[in-house]
Amino acid sequence: MRRIRTILSYDGTNYVGWQTQPNGVAVQEKVEQAIFEVTGEKVSLQGSGRTDSGVHARAQVAHFDTAARMGADKFAIALNTHLPGDIRVLYSEETAPAFHARFSAKEKQYRYFVQTGPHADVFLRKYALHAYMPLDLDLMNKAAALVVGTHDYSAFMSTGREVESAVRTVTLSRWEKQGNLLVYSVQGNGFLYNMVRILVGTMLGMGSGRLPADAMEKALSSLSRKDAGPTAPPHGLVLWRVKYPDFDTEEVLGRDP
C-alpha cells in the first residue's frame, strides 16, 4: 500500500463540515467517493483537522492509503474530475507510511475575514462577516497580541466540550486591513473547538465597544467562557495553512501577497 498526501481547497458553504456525519453531506465524504470512483477502493481519508459547517479551507491536508499504481501526482487531476466545483485537490504526492495528516502536523494557521462599511458586499456574503459598525483596529490588535504565547484557552472553547488540557501555544495573532476587509490571522500548535471564532467574537466586541477594553485580558485570566465574547459566524473562517516538519502548504501553494 502507498500513502498519498494531498492539499485540498473547498468552499464550505454547502457542507456540514469536513468530517462525514449523518446529518448532511461532508467534504470528507465527497472526496472519499471520488477516490472510490478513481481507484475502486473504499478508503478512510484523514484530514489535518475538522472544519465546521460553513467553514472554508484554502489548504486542508489529507492522506489516504491505496494500492492503485497511478502516479502520485496524477491523483489531483483524476479526483477533480469526480468532485463538485466547490472542492478541489490542488496537490498530491506519495509520502512516508508514518506520515499522518492530523498527528504529524506541527502548526495550523486560520484566517478570519470581516468586511467593513455600511452595506454588505453581495460577492463576499459567503466568505466574510459584515460589520457595519466602526471598529477600533488598534484596540483589537492589542487584544490579539495578548493571545500569543502558551496559555490555557478554556474561556475560548464552546461550553459542553471536554478536553484533557486547554493549554495551547499560539505563535501568530494579528489583525490587518486589506481594503475594506479586516483579516485576522492566528497560528498555533492546536486549537480548541470554536476557539478561533470565539477569539474573533471577543475582539470584535471590544473593537465595537460592546465589550470592555480589558475583556481579552480578563477572559485569559478567569478561564471562564462568560468573560469572552460571542462565537463569530463560521462563513468568515478559512483554514489557511498547515505546517509539518518536512512539509508546508505555503511552500507548495506559494506564499500569499
Protein backbone atom coordinates (compact mmCIF):
# COMPACT_ATOMS: atom_id res chain seq x y z
CA MET A 1 0.00 0.00 0.00
CA ARG A 2 1.10 3.55 -0.73
CA ARG A 3 0.27 6.63 1.32
CA ILE A 4 -0.86 9.64 -0.71
CA ARG A 5 -0.72 13.15 0.74
CA THR A 6 -2.98 15.81 -0.72
CA ILE A 7 -3.77 19.50 -0.30
CA LEU A 8 -7.44 20.38 -0.73
CA SER A 9 -9.27 23.66 -1.07
CA TYR A 10 -13.02 23.94 -0.54
CA ASP A 11 -15.92 26.30 -0.11
CA GLY A 12 -17.65 25.00 3.00
CA THR A 13 -20.98 26.77 2.37
CA ASN A 14 -22.90 23.68 1.27
CA TYR A 15 -21.31 21.18 3.66
CA VAL A 16 -21.82 20.15 7.28
CA GLY A 17 -18.07 20.37 7.75
CA TRP A 18 -15.04 18.28 6.93
CA GLN A 19 -15.95 15.12 8.81
CA THR A 20 -18.51 12.65 7.49
CA GLN A 21 -21.64 12.64 9.66
CA PRO A 22 -25.27 11.51 9.41
CA ASN A 23 -26.94 14.93 9.34
CA GLY A 24 -25.72 16.12 5.95
CA VAL A 25 -23.07 15.98 3.24
CA ALA A 26 -19.45 16.49 4.35
CA VAL A 27 -16.30 17.30 2.38
CA GLN A 28 -14.59 14.10 3.53
CA GLU A 29 -17.50 12.04 2.18
CA LYS A 30 -17.29 13.68 -1.25
CA VAL A 31 -13.54 13.14 -1.56
CA GLU A 32 -13.72 9.51 -0.39
CA GLN A 33 -16.39 8.89 -3.01
CA ALA A 34 -14.15 10.43 -5.67
CA ILE A 35 -11.27 8.17 -4.59
CA PHE A 36 -13.57 5.16 -4.90
CA GLU A 37 -14.59 6.20 -8.40
CA VAL A 38 -10.94 6.57 -9.43
CA THR A 39 -9.44 3.50 -7.70
CA GLY A 40 -12.37 1.23 -6.81
CA GLU A 41 -11.14 1.31 -3.22
CA LYS A 42 -13.07 2.37 -0.14
CA VAL A 43 -10.55 4.40 1.83
CA SER A 44 -10.50 6.34 5.09
CA LEU A 45 -9.40 9.87 4.29
CA GLN A 46 -7.65 11.53 7.24
CA GLY A 47 -7.58 15.33 7.40
CA SER A 48 -5.37 17.71 9.36
CA GLY A 49 -8.41 18.99 11.25
CA ARG A 50 -12.20 19.10 11.34
CA THR A 51 -13.55 22.32 9.92
CA ASP A 52 -17.12 23.04 11.00
CA SER A 53 -20.22 23.55 8.89
CA GLY A 54 -19.81 26.63 6.70
CA VAL A 55 -16.06 26.97 7.32
CA HIS A 56 -13.77 27.06 4.28
CA ALA A 57 -10.28 25.77 3.55
CA ARG A 58 -7.54 27.17 1.38
CA ALA A 59 -5.14 24.38 2.36
CA GLN A 60 -6.57 21.33 4.09
CA VAL A 61 -4.07 18.47 4.17
CA ALA A 62 -5.39 14.91 3.96
CA HIS A 63 -3.93 11.48 3.33
CA PHE A 64 -5.19 8.08 2.25
CA ASP A 65 -3.71 4.65 1.52
CA THR A 66 -4.09 2.99 -1.85
CA ALA A 67 -2.89 0.01 -3.87
CA ALA A 68 -3.51 1.88 -7.13
CA ARG A 69 -0.48 2.23 -9.39
CA MET A 70 -1.39 5.67 -10.69
CA GLY A 71 1.39 8.24 -10.45
CA ALA A 72 1.01 10.07 -7.15
CA ASP A 73 0.93 13.48 -8.81
CA LYS A 74 -1.90 12.35 -11.12
CA PHE A 75 -4.37 11.80 -8.28
CA ALA A 76 -5.14 15.53 -8.04
CA ILE A 77 -6.23 15.70 -11.68
CA ALA A 78 -8.12 12.41 -11.56
CA LEU A 79 -10.01 13.20 -8.37
CA ASN A 80 -11.03 16.66 -9.55
CA THR A 81 -12.89 15.11 -12.48
CA HIS A 82 -15.16 13.41 -9.92
CA LEU A 83 -15.54 16.28 -7.45
CA PRO A 84 -18.01 19.18 -7.41
CA GLY A 85 -16.64 22.59 -8.30
CA ASP A 86 -16.55 23.74 -4.67
CA ILE A 87 -13.92 21.11 -3.76
CA ARG A 88 -10.52 20.95 -5.48
CA VAL A 89 -7.47 18.77 -4.89
CA LEU A 90 -4.60 21.17 -5.50
CA TYR A 91 -1.69 18.80 -4.98
CA SER A 92 -0.92 15.12 -4.48
CA GLU A 93 2.26 13.19 -3.78
CA GLU A 94 3.42 9.93 -2.23
CA THR A 95 4.64 10.27 1.33
CA ALA A 96 6.13 8.11 4.06
CA PRO A 97 3.88 5.48 5.65
CA ALA A 98 4.43 7.11 9.05
CA PHE A 99 3.00 10.45 7.90
CA HIS A 100 -0.38 11.36 9.39
CA ALA A 101 -2.23 14.47 8.23
CA ARG A 102 -3.53 15.21 11.73
CA PHE A 103 -0.99 13.82 14.18
CA SER A 104 2.12 14.85 12.25
CA ALA A 105 1.02 18.49 11.97
CA LYS A 106 3.10 20.99 13.95
CA GLU A 107 1.15 24.21 13.34
CA LYS A 108 -2.02 25.40 11.64
CA GLN A 109 -2.99 28.87 10.56
CA TYR A 110 -6.55 30.16 10.29
CA ARG A 111 -7.73 33.46 8.88
CA TYR A 112 -11.00 35.21 9.59
CA PHE A 113 -12.35 37.85 7.19
CA VAL A 114 -14.50 40.80 8.20
CA GLN A 115 -15.97 43.19 5.63
CA THR A 116 -16.43 46.71 6.95
CA GLY A 117 -18.67 49.51 5.73
CA PRO A 118 -22.36 50.44 5.93
CA HIS A 119 -23.53 47.88 3.34
CA ALA A 120 -22.70 44.23 2.87
CA ASP A 121 -20.85 43.26 -0.31
CA VAL A 122 -23.02 40.66 -2.07
CA PHE A 123 -19.92 38.98 -3.50
CA LEU A 124 -18.40 38.49 -0.05
CA ARG A 125 -21.53 37.38 1.79
CA LYS A 126 -20.39 33.73 1.94
CA TYR A 127 -16.79 34.47 2.83
CA ALA A 128 -16.65 37.46 5.17
CA LEU A 129 -18.65 38.64 8.15
CA HIS A 130 -20.17 42.07 7.52
CA ALA A 131 -19.52 44.58 10.33
CA TYR A 132 -21.37 47.84 9.73
CA MET A 133 -20.24 49.49 12.97
CA PRO A 134 -16.88 51.30 13.32
CA LEU A 135 -14.15 49.07 14.77
CA ASP A 136 -11.10 50.14 16.76
CA LEU A 137 -8.37 48.22 14.94
CA ASP A 138 -5.62 49.38 17.31
CA LEU A 139 -7.53 48.04 20.31
CA MET A 140 -8.24 44.77 18.51
CA ASN A 141 -4.55 44.33 17.73
CA LYS A 142 -3.62 44.98 21.35
CA ALA A 143 -6.05 42.24 22.31
CA ALA A 144 -4.68 39.97 19.58
CA ALA A 145 -1.15 40.37 20.96
CA LEU A 146 -2.33 39.03 24.33
CA VAL A 147 -3.30 35.77 22.65
CA VAL A 148 0.29 34.99 21.60
CA GLY A 149 2.12 32.55 23.85
CA THR A 150 1.29 29.41 25.80
CA HIS A 151 -1.98 29.83 27.68
CA ASP A 152 -4.97 27.97 28.99
CA TYR A 153 -7.67 28.98 26.48
CA SER A 154 -10.64 27.47 28.36
CA ALA A 155 -12.57 30.75 28.04
CA PHE A 156 -12.44 30.40 24.26
CA MET A 157 -13.90 26.91 23.95
CA SER A 158 -17.57 26.11 23.38
CA THR A 159 -19.33 25.04 26.56
CA GLY A 160 -20.10 21.36 26.98
CA ARG A 161 -16.80 20.23 25.47
CA GLU A 162 -14.33 18.17 27.46
CA VAL A 163 -10.59 18.09 26.72
CA GLU A 164 -7.64 16.75 28.68
CA SER A 165 -5.99 20.14 28.55
CA ALA A 166 -6.99 23.53 27.18
CA VAL A 167 -3.37 24.69 27.04
CA ARG A 168 -2.20 25.60 23.55
CA THR A 169 0.66 27.63 22.08
CA VAL A 170 -0.17 30.46 19.67
CA THR A 171 2.72 31.89 17.64
CA LEU A 172 0.85 34.44 15.49
CA SER A 173 -2.18 36.59 16.27
CA ARG A 174 -2.82 39.85 14.43
CA TRP A 175 -5.33 41.94 12.51
CA GLU A 176 -4.53 43.58 9.18
CA LYS A 177 -6.52 45.94 6.99
CA GLN A 178 -6.80 44.92 3.33
CA GLY A 179 -9.01 47.43 1.53
CA ASN A 180 -12.48 47.13 3.03
CA LEU A 181 -11.53 43.87 4.73
CA LEU A 182 -10.11 43.26 8.17
CA VAL A 183 -8.21 39.98 8.28
CA TYR A 184 -7.37 38.16 11.49
CA SER A 185 -4.52 35.63 11.22
CA VAL A 186 -3.84 33.18 14.02
CA GLN A 187 -1.36 30.31 14.04
CA GLY A 188 -0.56 27.74 16.68
CA ASN A 189 0.09 24.14 17.56
CA GLY A 190 -3.60 23.41 18.04
CA PHE A 191 -6.99 24.96 18.60
CA LEU A 192 -9.95 24.14 20.82
CA TYR A 193 -13.45 23.71 19.42
CA ASN A 194 -14.63 27.12 18.14
CA MET A 195 -11.56 28.78 19.67
CA VAL A 196 -10.76 30.99 16.68
CA ARG A 197 -14.36 32.10 16.23
CA ILE A 198 -14.68 32.98 19.93
CA LEU A 199 -11.42 34.91 19.83
CA VAL A 200 -12.76 36.84 16.84
CA GLY A 201 -16.12 37.44 18.54
CA THR A 202 -14.33 38.75 21.62
CA MET A 203 -12.11 41.14 19.68
CA LEU A 204 -14.97 42.40 17.52
CA GLY A 205 -16.94 43.04 20.70
CA MET A 206 -14.05 45.02 22.09
CA GLY A 207 -13.46 46.90 18.85
CA SER A 208 -17.12 47.93 18.61
CA GLY A 209 -17.35 48.96 22.27
CA ARG A 210 -19.82 46.21 23.13
CA LEU A 211 -17.26 44.58 25.41
CA PRO A 212 -14.89 46.36 27.81
CA ALA A 213 -11.37 47.15 26.66
CA ASP A 214 -9.92 44.60 29.09
CA ALA A 215 -12.21 41.71 28.03
CA MET A 216 -9.40 39.64 26.47
CA GLU A 217 -7.14 40.02 29.48
CA LYS A 218 -9.99 39.14 31.82
CA ALA A 219 -11.03 36.03 29.86
CA LEU A 220 -7.46 34.73 29.66
CA SER A 221 -7.15 35.22 33.43
CA SER A 222 -10.52 33.90 34.59
CA LEU A 223 -10.68 30.97 32.11
CA SER A 224 -14.46 31.50 32.10
CA ARG A 225 -16.45 31.31 28.87
CA LYS A 226 -18.80 34.03 30.14
CA ASP A 227 -15.97 36.56 30.12
CA ALA A 228 -15.27 36.04 26.40
CA GLY A 229 -17.35 37.32 23.52
CA PRO A 230 -19.86 35.55 21.27
CA THR A 231 -18.87 32.93 18.71
CA ALA A 232 -18.37 34.63 15.35
CA PRO A 233 -20.28 33.05 12.42
CA PRO A 234 -18.47 30.29 10.51
CA HIS A 235 -18.51 31.72 6.99
CA GLY A 236 -15.65 34.19 7.63
CA LEU A 237 -13.23 31.46 8.73
CA VAL A 238 -10.67 29.76 6.47
CA LEU A 239 -8.14 27.03 7.26
CA TRP A 240 -5.22 28.78 5.59
CA ARG A 241 -2.01 26.86 6.19
CA VAL A 242 -0.72 23.62 7.75
CA LYS A 243 2.93 23.04 8.66
CA TYR A 244 4.77 19.74 9.17
CA PRO A 245 8.43 19.02 9.94
CA ASP A 246 9.11 18.26 6.26
CA PHE A 247 6.14 19.84 4.50
CA ASP A 248 4.47 23.24 4.47
CA THR A 249 1.39 24.00 2.39
CA GLU A 250 2.63 27.56 1.96
CA GLU A 251 5.78 26.33 0.24
CA VAL A 252 3.74 24.17 -2.13
CA LEU A 253 0.97 26.64 -2.96
CA GLY A 254 3.13 29.75 -2.84
CA ARG A 255 3.06 32.46 -0.26
CA ASP A 256 0.16 34.87 -0.30
CA PRO A 257 0.91 38.57 -1.01
